[in-house]
């Protein structure tokens, strides 16, 4: 697949220890918990595959988090907010439980979020390429039934691990350190849907400029035959494409979550941002 019209990409060099609990995590994890609630409410066993799992648990009192201050401007503000919509309640409950109801010193990555809500009979495969991060991930998920961790390329592992039948949710949340991440996301989704036509996916993306996001969405529309729901959350004006000015989620083939995603993105943009905005819209299959 050749992706035309791609705007030259600025790499994020994204070490998540600096960014855990920031505005983008709030959007991603609140949406993920809402989606998992829908998928685990009823139905047969669910397989969740996470292509870029990370450490699974983050120390907000550590040097990286304190240096960036992003958790203080994100999850700490959410936990103290009286006006946050109900869509954030599962996330705030999870964070409160992780911290024993006290000050927010630890934050769960997607692996902990996923592992805590799956039912008996569901399974979760968490992929992490970096060996030291994978070691921490294994420790963070120790003792959880139905969970496997792989020290592997998540794009390749996702296609291998995807069952040919049954319910599947693919979470794609790369660090965007490599210039081909956008292309590999599309290629992986094509391969997954070819293997299991009913597979669903939630994709997280940074927003630095709308040209890059729009080019990716055009490629996705061209290559993936599934309904696409896009949620954008911009916490600042798109005036500097060298910075992450917001984030986006793309729900591929999933349930209609337009209203909860609008509530999540709208609150984050208004309460934690300045001069940004949000929107949720469907793309035709």
C-alpha atoms as a PDB file:
ATOM      1  CA  UNK A   1       0.000   0.000   0.000  1.00  0.00           C
ATOM      2  CA  UNK A   2       1.339   3.427  -0.942  1.00  0.00           C
ATOM      3  CA  UNK A   3      -0.080   6.298   1.059  1.00  0.00           C
ATOM      4  CA  UNK A   4      -0.198   9.456  -1.001  1.00  0.00           C
ATOM      5  CA  UNK A   5      -0.256  13.017   0.188  1.00  0.00           C
ATOM      6  CA  UNK A   6       1.277  12.414   3.590  1.00  0.00           C
ATOM      7  CA  UNK A   7       2.483  15.570   5.320  1.00  0.00           C
ATOM      8  CA  UNK A   8       6.104  15.175   6.532  1.00  0.00           C
ATOM      9  CA  UNK A   9       5.803  13.754  10.035  1.00  0.00           C
ATOM     10  CA  UNK A  10       7.499  15.180  13.119  1.00  0.00           C
ATOM     11  CA  UNK A  11       8.436  12.337  15.438  1.00  0.00           C
ATOM     12  CA  UNK A  12       7.216  12.516  19.012  1.00  0.00           C
ATOM     13  CA  UNK A  13      10.013  10.526  20.682  1.00  0.00           C
ATOM     14  CA  UNK A  14       7.303   9.556  23.144  1.00  0.00           C
ATOM     15  CA  UNK A  15       8.529   8.183  26.499  1.00  0.00           C
ATOM     16  CA  UNK A  16       5.266   7.595  28.282  1.00  0.00           C
ATOM     17  CA  UNK A  17       6.669   7.956  31.798  1.00  0.00           C
ATOM     18  CA  UNK A  18       6.800  11.710  31.088  1.00  0.00           C
ATOM     19  CA  UNK A  19       3.199  11.793  29.844  1.00  0.00           C
ATOM     20  CA  UNK A  20       1.291   9.263  31.974  1.00  0.00           C
ATOM     21  CA  UNK A  21      -1.970  10.699  33.238  1.00  0.00           C
ATOM     22  CA  UNK A  22      -1.955  13.625  30.827  1.00  0.00           C
ATOM     23  CA  UNK A  23      -4.981  14.920  28.908  1.00  0.00           C
ATOM     24  CA  UNK A  24      -4.498  12.368  26.125  1.00  0.00           C
ATOM     25  CA  UNK A  25      -4.473   9.483  28.594  1.00  0.00           C
ATOM     26  CA  UNK A  26      -7.731  10.737  30.087  1.00  0.00           C
ATOM     27  CA  UNK A  27      -9.372  10.763  26.656  1.00  0.00           C
ATOM     28  CA  UNK A  28      -7.992   7.354  25.705  1.00  0.00           C
ATOM     29  CA  UNK A  29      -8.691   5.554  28.962  1.00  0.00           C
ATOM     30  CA  UNK A  30     -12.152   6.999  29.565  1.00  0.00           C
ATOM     31  CA  UNK A  31     -13.104   6.010  26.010  1.00  0.00           C
ATOM     32  CA  UNK A  32     -11.509   2.574  26.352  1.00  0.00           C
ATOM     33  CA  UNK A  33     -13.391   1.851  29.571  1.00  0.00           C
ATOM     34  CA  UNK A  34     -16.674   2.971  27.972  1.00  0.00           C
ATOM     35  CA  UNK A  35     -16.015   0.726  24.969  1.00  0.00           C
ATOM     36  CA  UNK A  36     -15.075  -2.251  27.156  1.00  0.00           C
ATOM     37  CA  UNK A  37     -18.231  -1.751  29.208  1.00  0.00           C
ATOM     38  CA  UNK A  38     -20.255  -2.139  26.011  1.00  0.00           C
ATOM     39  CA  UNK A  39     -18.316  -5.181  24.822  1.00  0.00           C
ATOM     40  CA  UNK A  40     -18.376  -7.018  28.158  1.00  0.00           C
ATOM     41  CA  UNK A  41     -22.015  -6.274  29.012  1.00  0.00           C
ATOM     42  CA  UNK A  42     -23.087  -9.326  27.033  1.00  0.00           C
ATOM     43  CA  UNK A  43     -21.864 -11.618  24.314  1.00  0.00           C
ATOM     44  CA  UNK A  44     -19.335 -14.399  23.971  1.00  0.00           C
ATOM     45  CA  UNK A  45     -15.659 -14.343  24.981  1.00  0.00           C
ATOM     46  CA  UNK A  46     -13.733 -11.225  23.971  1.00  0.00           C
ATOM     47  CA  UNK A  47     -10.126 -11.175  22.800  1.00  0.00           C
ATOM     48  CA  UNK A  48      -8.288  -7.873  23.328  1.00  0.00           C
ATOM     49  CA  UNK A  49      -4.948  -7.289  21.621  1.00  0.00           C
ATOM     50  CA  UNK A  50      -2.847  -4.269  22.595  1.00  0.00           C
ATOM     51  CA  UNK A  51      -0.089  -3.445  20.098  1.00  0.00           C
ATOM     52  CA  UNK A  52       1.892  -0.957  22.218  1.00  0.00           C
ATOM     53  CA  UNK A  53       1.176  -1.790  25.838  1.00  0.00           C
ATOM     54  CA  UNK A  54       3.983   0.071  27.623  1.00  0.00           C
ATOM     55  CA  UNK A  55       4.763  -0.552  31.294  1.00  0.00           C
ATOM     56  CA  UNK A  56       1.198  -0.960  32.482  1.00  0.00           C
ATOM     57  CA  UNK A  57       1.713   1.125  35.634  1.00  0.00           C
ATOM     58  CA  UNK A  58       3.296   4.561  36.104  1.00  0.00           C
ATOM     59  CA  UNK A  59       4.836   6.333  39.092  1.00  0.00           C
ATOM     60  CA  UNK A  60       3.551   9.902  39.082  1.00  0.00           C
ATOM     61  CA  UNK A  61       5.927  10.766  41.919  1.00  0.00           C
ATOM     62  CA  UNK A  62       8.874   9.772  39.726  1.00  0.00           C
ATOM     63  CA  UNK A  63      11.334  12.157  38.149  1.00  0.00           C
ATOM     64  CA  UNK A  64       9.858  11.951  34.640  1.00  0.00           C
ATOM     65  CA  UNK A  65       6.287  12.752  35.667  1.00  0.00           C
ATOM     66  CA  UNK A  66       7.344  15.542  38.004  1.00  0.00           C
ATOM     67  CA  UNK A  67       9.559  17.058  35.334  1.00  0.00           C
ATOM     68  CA  UNK A  68       6.813  17.244  32.703  1.00  0.00           C
ATOM     69  CA  UNK A  69       3.982  18.241  35.066  1.00  0.00           C
ATOM     70  CA  UNK A  70       1.497  16.669  32.662  1.00  0.00           C
ATOM     71  CA  UNK A  71      -0.139  14.407  35.254  1.00  0.00           C
ATOM     72  CA  UNK A  72      -0.686  17.394  37.544  1.00  0.00           C
ATOM     73  CA  UNK A  73      -2.434  19.152  34.651  1.00  0.00           C
ATOM     74  CA  UNK A  74      -4.377  16.005  33.747  1.00  0.00           C
ATOM     75  CA  UNK A  75      -5.438  13.210  36.090  1.00  0.00           C
ATOM     76  CA  UNK A  76      -4.858  15.257  39.258  1.00  0.00           C
ATOM     77  CA  UNK A  77      -7.244  17.938  37.979  1.00  0.00           C
ATOM     78  CA  UNK A  78      -9.778  15.340  36.888  1.00  0.00           C
ATOM     79  CA  UNK A  79      -9.769  13.675  40.303  1.00  0.00           C
ATOM     80  CA  UNK A  80     -10.493  17.038  41.940  1.00  0.00           C
ATOM     81  CA  UNK A  81     -13.125  18.152  39.410  1.00  0.00           C
ATOM     82  CA  UNK A  82     -16.749  18.446  40.466  1.00  0.00           C
ATOM     83  CA  UNK A  83     -18.083  18.986  36.945  1.00  0.00           C
ATOM     84  CA  UNK A  84     -16.582  16.030  35.047  1.00  0.00           C
ATOM     85  CA  UNK A  85     -19.234  14.060  33.109  1.00  0.00           C
ATOM     86  CA  UNK A  86     -20.258  10.578  34.159  1.00  0.00           C
ATOM     87  CA  UNK A  87     -18.167   9.027  31.390  1.00  0.00           C
ATOM     88  CA  UNK A  88     -15.067   9.626  33.526  1.00  0.00           C
ATOM     89  CA  UNK A  89     -16.426   7.791  36.592  1.00  0.00           C
ATOM     90  CA  UNK A  90     -14.970   4.346  35.725  1.00  0.00           C
ATOM     91  CA  UNK A  91     -11.522   5.906  35.246  1.00  0.00           C
ATOM     92  CA  UNK A  92     -11.604   7.960  38.439  1.00  0.00           C
ATOM     93  CA  UNK A  93     -12.765   4.904  40.386  1.00  0.00           C
ATOM     94  CA  UNK A  94      -9.886   2.851  38.978  1.00  0.00           C
ATOM     95  CA  UNK A  95      -7.333   5.548  39.826  1.00  0.00           C
ATOM     96  CA  UNK A  96      -8.753   6.014  43.314  1.00  0.00           C
ATOM     97  CA  UNK A  97      -8.600   2.268  43.978  1.00  0.00           C
ATOM     98  CA  UNK A  98      -5.037   2.063  42.691  1.00  0.00           C
ATOM     99  CA  UNK A  99      -4.021   4.826  45.097  1.00  0.00           C
ATOM    100  CA  UNK A 100      -5.997   3.560  48.087  1.00  0.00           C
ATOM    101  CA  UNK A 101      -8.223   6.622  47.976  1.00  0.00           C
ATOM    102  CA  UNK A 102      -5.292   8.904  48.778  1.00  0.00           C
ATOM    103  CA  UNK A 103      -3.172  11.312  46.746  1.00  0.00           C
ATOM    104  CA  UNK A 104      -2.671  10.362  43.113  1.00  0.00           C
ATOM    105  CA  UNK A 105       0.829   8.873  42.996  1.00  0.00           C
ATOM    106  CA  UNK A 106       0.255   6.025  40.549  1.00  0.00           C
ATOM    107  CA  UNK A 107      -1.561   5.857  37.234  1.00  0.00           C
ATOM    108  CA  UNK A 108      -2.693   2.724  35.351  1.00  0.00           C
ATOM    109  CA  UNK A 109      -1.663   2.284  31.758  1.00  0.00           C
ATOM    110  CA  UNK A 110      -3.996   0.650  29.258  1.00  0.00           C
ATOM    111  CA  UNK A 111      -2.911  -2.885  30.308  1.00  0.00           C
ATOM    112  CA  UNK A 112      -4.088  -2.408  33.879  1.00  0.00           C
ATOM    113  CA  UNK A 113      -7.269  -0.721  32.674  1.00  0.00           C
ATOM    114  CA  UNK A 114      -8.038  -3.644  30.359  1.00  0.00           C
ATOM    115  CA  UNK A 115      -7.026  -6.495  32.670  1.00  0.00           C
ATOM    116  CA  UNK A 116      -9.185  -5.226  35.530  1.00  0.00           C
ATOM    117  CA  UNK A 117     -12.450  -5.263  33.583  1.00  0.00           C
ATOM    118  CA  UNK A 118     -12.267  -8.445  31.523  1.00  0.00           C
ATOM    119  CA  UNK A 119     -14.553 -11.331  32.416  1.00  0.00           C
ATOM    120  CA  UNK A 120     -13.633 -14.971  33.036  1.00  0.00           C
ATOM    121  CA  UNK A 121     -13.164 -16.507  29.599  1.00  0.00           C
ATOM    122  CA  UNK A 122     -11.983 -13.254  27.995  1.00  0.00           C
ATOM    123  CA  UNK A 123      -8.343 -12.981  27.002  1.00  0.00           C
ATOM    124  CA  UNK A 124      -5.842 -10.168  26.667  1.00  0.00           C
ATOM    125  CA  UNK A 125      -2.557 -10.121  24.745  1.00  0.00           C
ATOM    126  CA  UNK A 126      -0.315  -7.158  25.611  1.00  0.00           C
ATOM    127  CA  UNK A 127       2.576  -6.498  23.239  1.00  0.00           C
ATOM    128  CA  UNK A 128       5.610  -4.364  24.091  1.00  0.00           C
ATOM    129  CA  UNK A 129       8.742  -4.136  21.959  1.00  0.00           C
ATOM    130  CA  UNK A 130      11.215  -2.655  24.466  1.00  0.00           C
ATOM    131  CA  UNK A 131      12.669  -5.353  26.709  1.00  0.00           C
ATOM    132  CA  UNK A 132      12.849  -3.236  29.868  1.00  0.00           C
ATOM    133  CA  UNK A 133       9.299  -1.973  29.400  1.00  0.00           C
ATOM    134  CA  UNK A 134       8.095  -5.511  28.762  1.00  0.00           C
ATOM    135  CA  UNK A 135       9.698  -6.710  32.010  1.00  0.00           C
ATOM    136  CA  UNK A 136       7.824  -3.998  33.913  1.00  0.00           C
ATOM    137  CA  UNK A 137       4.630  -4.885  32.040  1.00  0.00           C
ATOM    138  CA  UNK A 138       4.865  -8.536  33.050  1.00  0.00           C
ATOM    139  CA  UNK A 139       5.214  -7.501  36.662  1.00  0.00           C
ATOM    140  CA  UNK A 140       2.294  -5.067  36.450  1.00  0.00           C
ATOM    141  CA  UNK A 141      -0.009  -7.779  35.078  1.00  0.00           C
ATOM    142  CA  UNK A 142       1.220 -10.604  37.281  1.00  0.00           C
ATOM    143  CA  UNK A 143      -1.607 -12.723  38.661  1.00  0.00           C
ATOM    144  CA  UNK A 144      -4.256 -11.669  36.126  1.00  0.00           C
ATOM    145  CA  UNK A 145      -6.016 -14.651  34.531  1.00  0.00           C
ATOM    146  CA  UNK A 146      -6.355 -14.786  30.759  1.00  0.00           C
ATOM    147  CA  UNK A 147      -3.471 -12.343  30.231  1.00  0.00           C
ATOM    148  CA  UNK A 148      -0.332 -12.880  28.151  1.00  0.00           C
ATOM    149  CA  UNK A 149       2.490 -10.432  27.471  1.00  0.00           C
ATOM    150  CA  UNK A 150       4.712 -10.558  24.400  1.00  0.00           C
ATOM    151  CA  UNK A 151       8.078  -8.876  23.924  1.00  0.00           C
ATOM    152  CA  UNK A 152       7.415  -8.359  20.235  1.00  0.00           C
ATOM    153  CA  UNK A 153       6.557  -5.966  17.430  1.00  0.00           C
ATOM    154  CA  UNK A 154       2.928  -5.256  18.201  1.00  0.00           C
ATOM    155  CA  UNK A 155       1.791  -4.766  14.624  1.00  0.00           C
ATOM    156  CA  UNK A 156       3.105  -8.168  13.550  1.00  0.00           C
ATOM    157  CA  UNK A 157       2.032  -9.917  16.760  1.00  0.00           C
ATOM    158  CA  UNK A 158      -1.517  -8.558  16.493  1.00  0.00           C
ATOM    159  CA  UNK A 159      -2.049 -10.243  13.139  1.00  0.00           C
ATOM    160  CA  UNK A 160      -0.569 -13.515  14.391  1.00  0.00           C
ATOM    161  CA  UNK A 161      -2.582 -13.484  17.618  1.00  0.00           C
ATOM    162  CA  UNK A 162      -5.906 -12.423  16.150  1.00  0.00           C
ATOM    163  CA  UNK A 163      -8.318 -15.379  16.132  1.00  0.00           C
ATOM    164  CA  UNK A 164     -10.035 -16.099  12.835  1.00  0.00           C
ATOM    165  CA  UNK A 165     -13.446 -16.076  14.523  1.00  0.00           C
ATOM    166  CA  UNK A 166     -15.016 -14.652  17.646  1.00  0.00           C
ATOM    167  CA  UNK A 167     -15.101 -11.157  19.092  1.00  0.00           C
ATOM    168  CA  UNK A 168     -11.877  -9.142  18.878  1.00  0.00           C
ATOM    169  CA  UNK A 169     -10.896  -5.650  20.011  1.00  0.00           C
ATOM    170  CA  UNK A 170      -7.578  -4.280  18.805  1.00  0.00           C
ATOM    171  CA  UNK A 171      -6.041  -1.318  20.651  1.00  0.00           C
ATOM    172  CA  UNK A 172      -3.416   0.564  18.630  1.00  0.00           C
ATOM    173  CA  UNK A 173      -1.597   3.278  20.566  1.00  0.00           C
ATOM    174  CA  UNK A 174       1.940   3.632  19.161  1.00  0.00           C
ATOM    175  CA  UNK A 175       4.535   6.107  20.441  1.00  0.00           C
ATOM    176  CA  UNK A 176       4.893   7.576  16.911  1.00  0.00           C
ATOM    177  CA  UNK A 177       8.673   7.439  17.132  1.00  0.00           C
ATOM    178  CA  UNK A 178       8.893   5.959  13.644  1.00  0.00           C
ATOM    179  CA  UNK A 179       7.841   7.664  10.416  1.00  0.00           C
ATOM    180  CA  UNK A 180       5.913   4.636   9.166  1.00  0.00           C
ATOM    181  CA  UNK A 181       3.535   4.270  12.123  1.00  0.00           C
ATOM    182  CA  UNK A 182       0.582   5.738  10.237  1.00  0.00           C
ATOM    183  CA  UNK A 183       1.095   3.353   7.322  1.00  0.00           C
ATOM    184  CA  UNK A 184       1.578   0.356   9.614  1.00  0.00           C
ATOM    185  CA  UNK A 185      -1.636   1.117  11.486  1.00  0.00           C
ATOM    186  CA  UNK A 186      -3.600   0.967   8.240  1.00  0.00           C
ATOM    187  CA  UNK A 187      -1.781  -2.160   7.047  1.00  0.00           C
ATOM    188  CA  UNK A 188      -2.400  -3.911  10.377  1.00  0.00           C
ATOM    189  CA  UNK A 189      -6.098  -3.055  10.371  1.00  0.00           C
ATOM    190  CA  UNK A 190      -6.443  -4.357   6.819  1.00  0.00           C
ATOM    191  CA  UNK A 191      -4.731  -7.628   7.765  1.00  0.00           C
ATOM    192  CA  UNK A 192      -6.768  -8.030  10.958  1.00  0.00           C
ATOM    193  CA  UNK A 193     -10.081  -7.417   9.209  1.00  0.00           C
ATOM    194  CA  UNK A 194      -9.076  -9.799   6.417  1.00  0.00           C
ATOM    195  CA  UNK A 195      -8.441 -12.494   9.040  1.00  0.00           C
ATOM    196  CA  UNK A 196     -11.512 -11.710  11.152  1.00  0.00           C
ATOM    197  CA  UNK A 197     -14.091  -9.557   9.382  1.00  0.00           C
ATOM    198  CA  UNK A 198     -15.850  -8.694  12.635  1.00  0.00           C
ATOM    199  CA  UNK A 199     -12.767  -7.433  14.469  1.00  0.00           C
ATOM    200  CA  UNK A 200     -13.124  -3.985  16.029  1.00  0.00           C
ATOM    201  CA  UNK A 201     -10.378  -1.496  16.846  1.00  0.00           C
ATOM    202  CA  UNK A 202      -9.663   1.644  18.824  1.00  0.00           C
ATOM    203  CA  UNK A 203      -6.798   3.741  17.457  1.00  0.00           C
ATOM    204  CA  UNK A 204      -5.154   6.630  19.322  1.00  0.00           C
ATOM    205  CA  UNK A 205      -3.398   9.406  17.379  1.00  0.00           C
ATOM    206  CA  UNK A 206      -1.676  12.677  18.246  1.00  0.00           C
ATOM    207  CA  UNK A 207      -2.964  15.871  16.655  1.00  0.00           C
ATOM    208  CA  UNK A 208      -0.250  18.300  15.677  1.00  0.00           C
ATOM    209  CA  UNK A 209      -1.761  19.494  12.399  1.00  0.00           C
ATOM    210  CA  UNK A 210      -4.993  18.536  10.682  1.00  0.00           C
ATOM    211  CA  UNK A 211      -3.245  17.741   7.377  1.00  0.00           C
ATOM    212  CA  UNK A 212      -1.498  14.725   8.898  1.00  0.00           C
ATOM    213  CA  UNK A 213      -4.665  13.485  10.594  1.00  0.00           C
ATOM    214  CA  UNK A 214      -6.781  13.995   7.475  1.00  0.00           C
ATOM    215  CA  UNK A 215      -4.257  12.141   5.304  1.00  0.00           C
ATOM    216  CA  UNK A 216      -4.356   9.189   7.683  1.00  0.00           C
ATOM    217  CA  UNK A 217      -8.169   9.170   7.727  1.00  0.00           C
ATOM    218  CA  UNK A 218      -8.269   9.227   3.917  1.00  0.00           C
ATOM    219  CA  UNK A 219      -5.960   6.200   3.809  1.00  0.00           C
ATOM    220  CA  UNK A 220      -8.097   4.433   6.399  1.00  0.00           C
ATOM    221  CA  UNK A 221     -11.290   5.118   4.431  1.00  0.00           C
ATOM    222  CA  UNK A 222      -9.675   3.825   1.245  1.00  0.00           C
ATOM    223  CA  UNK A 223      -8.282   0.627   2.722  1.00  0.00           C
ATOM    224  CA  UNK A 224     -10.562  -0.485   5.586  1.00  0.00           C
ATOM    225  CA  UNK A 225     -14.135  -1.550   4.873  1.00  0.00           C
ATOM    226  CA  UNK A 226     -15.747  -0.711   8.208  1.00  0.00           C
ATOM    227  CA  UNK A 227     -17.681   2.123   9.857  1.00  0.00           C
ATOM    228  CA  UNK A 228     -15.289   4.715  11.290  1.00  0.00           C
ATOM    229  CA  UNK A 229     -16.087   7.055  14.179  1.00  0.00           C
ATOM    230  CA  UNK A 230     -13.556   9.839  14.797  1.00  0.00           C
ATOM    231  CA  UNK A 231     -13.262  11.829  18.046  1.00  0.00           C
ATOM    232  CA  UNK A 232     -10.938  14.836  18.148  1.00  0.00           C
ATOM    233  CA  UNK A 233      -9.827  16.630  21.311  1.00  0.00           C
ATOM    234  CA  UNK A 234      -7.703  19.760  20.821  1.00  0.00           C
ATOM    235  CA  UNK A 235      -6.375  21.425  23.985  1.00  0.00           C
ATOM    236  CA  UNK A 236      -4.698  24.304  22.154  1.00  0.00           C
ATOM    237  CA  UNK A 237      -4.875  25.975  18.726  1.00  0.00           C
ATOM    238  CA  UNK A 238      -3.217  24.100  15.872  1.00  0.00           C
ATOM    239  CA  UNK A 239      -0.649  26.836  15.384  1.00  0.00           C
ATOM    240  CA  UNK A 240       2.549  24.843  16.017  1.00  0.00           C
ATOM    241  CA  UNK A 241       2.804  21.496  14.152  1.00  0.00           C
ATOM    242  CA  UNK A 242       5.946  20.661  16.137  1.00  0.00           C
ATOM    243  CA  UNK A 243       3.851  20.150  19.288  1.00  0.00           C
ATOM    244  CA  UNK A 244       1.080  17.754  20.264  1.00  0.00           C
ATOM    245  CA  UNK A 245      -1.879  20.109  20.281  1.00  0.00           C
ATOM    246  CA  UNK A 246      -4.455  17.425  20.905  1.00  0.00           C
ATOM    247  CA  UNK A 247      -5.313  13.819  20.241  1.00  0.00           C
ATOM    248  CA  UNK A 248      -7.806  11.779  18.281  1.00  0.00           C
ATOM    249  CA  UNK A 249      -9.473   8.402  18.618  1.00  0.00           C
ATOM    250  CA  UNK A 250     -10.754   6.337  15.709  1.00  0.00           C
ATOM    251  CA  UNK A 251     -13.242   3.600  16.506  1.00  0.00           C
ATOM    252  CA  UNK A 252     -13.229   1.009  13.731  1.00  0.00           C
ATOM    253  CA  UNK A 253     -16.332  -1.143  13.403  1.00  0.00           C
ATOM    254  CA  UNK A 254     -17.392  -0.617  17.002  1.00  0.00           C
ATOM    255  CA  UNK A 255     -20.652   0.378  18.683  1.00  0.00           C
ATOM    256  CA  UNK A 256     -22.006   3.902  18.324  1.00  0.00           C
ATOM    257  CA  UNK A 257     -20.214   5.837  21.062  1.00  0.00           C
ATOM    258  CA  UNK A 258     -20.670   9.294  19.543  1.00  0.00           C
ATOM    259  CA  UNK A 259     -22.368  10.785  22.614  1.00  0.00           C
ATOM    260  CA  UNK A 260     -19.956   9.512  25.296  1.00  0.00           C
ATOM    261  CA  UNK A 261     -16.938  10.392  23.152  1.00  0.00           C
ATOM    262  CA  UNK A 262     -18.308  13.900  22.635  1.00  0.00           C
ATOM    263  CA  UNK A 263     -18.737  14.290  26.401  1.00  0.00           C
ATOM    264  CA  UNK A 264     -15.196  13.035  27.094  1.00  0.00           C
ATOM    265  CA  UNK A 265     -13.449  15.127  24.444  1.00  0.00           C
ATOM    266  CA  UNK A 266     -15.555  18.212  25.113  1.00  0.00           C
ATOM    267  CA  UNK A 267     -14.803  18.276  28.836  1.00  0.00           C
ATOM    268  CA  UNK A 268     -11.065  17.709  28.392  1.00  0.00           C
ATOM    269  CA  UNK A 269     -10.817  20.424  25.722  1.00  0.00           C
ATOM    270  CA  UNK A 270     -12.677  22.959  27.848  1.00  0.00           C
ATOM    271  CA  UNK A 271     -11.478  22.085  31.354  1.00  0.00           C
ATOM    272  CA  UNK A 272      -7.863  21.208  30.618  1.00  0.00           C
ATOM    273  CA  UNK A 273      -7.175  23.178  27.456  1.00  0.00           C
ATOM    274  CA  UNK A 274      -7.001  26.740  26.191  1.00  0.00           C
ATOM    275  CA  UNK A 275      -8.202  27.816  22.767  1.00  0.00           C
ATOM    276  CA  UNK A 276      -8.839  24.299  21.510  1.00  0.00           C
ATOM    277  CA  UNK A 277     -12.038  22.416  20.827  1.00  0.00           C
ATOM    278  CA  UNK A 278     -13.512  19.024  20.061  1.00  0.00           C
ATOM    279  CA  UNK A 279     -15.663  17.250  17.534  1.00  0.00           C
ATOM    280  CA  UNK A 280     -16.962  13.736  16.878  1.00  0.00           C
ATOM    281  CA  UNK A 281     -17.975  12.586  13.406  1.00  0.00           C
ATOM    282  CA  UNK A 282     -18.577   9.428  11.407  1.00  0.00           C
ATOM    283  CA  UNK A 283     -16.853   8.522   8.179  1.00  0.00           C
ATOM    284  CA  UNK A 284     -18.679   6.333   5.655  1.00  0.00           C
ATOM    285  CA  UNK A 285     -17.634   2.713   5.417  1.00  0.00           C
END
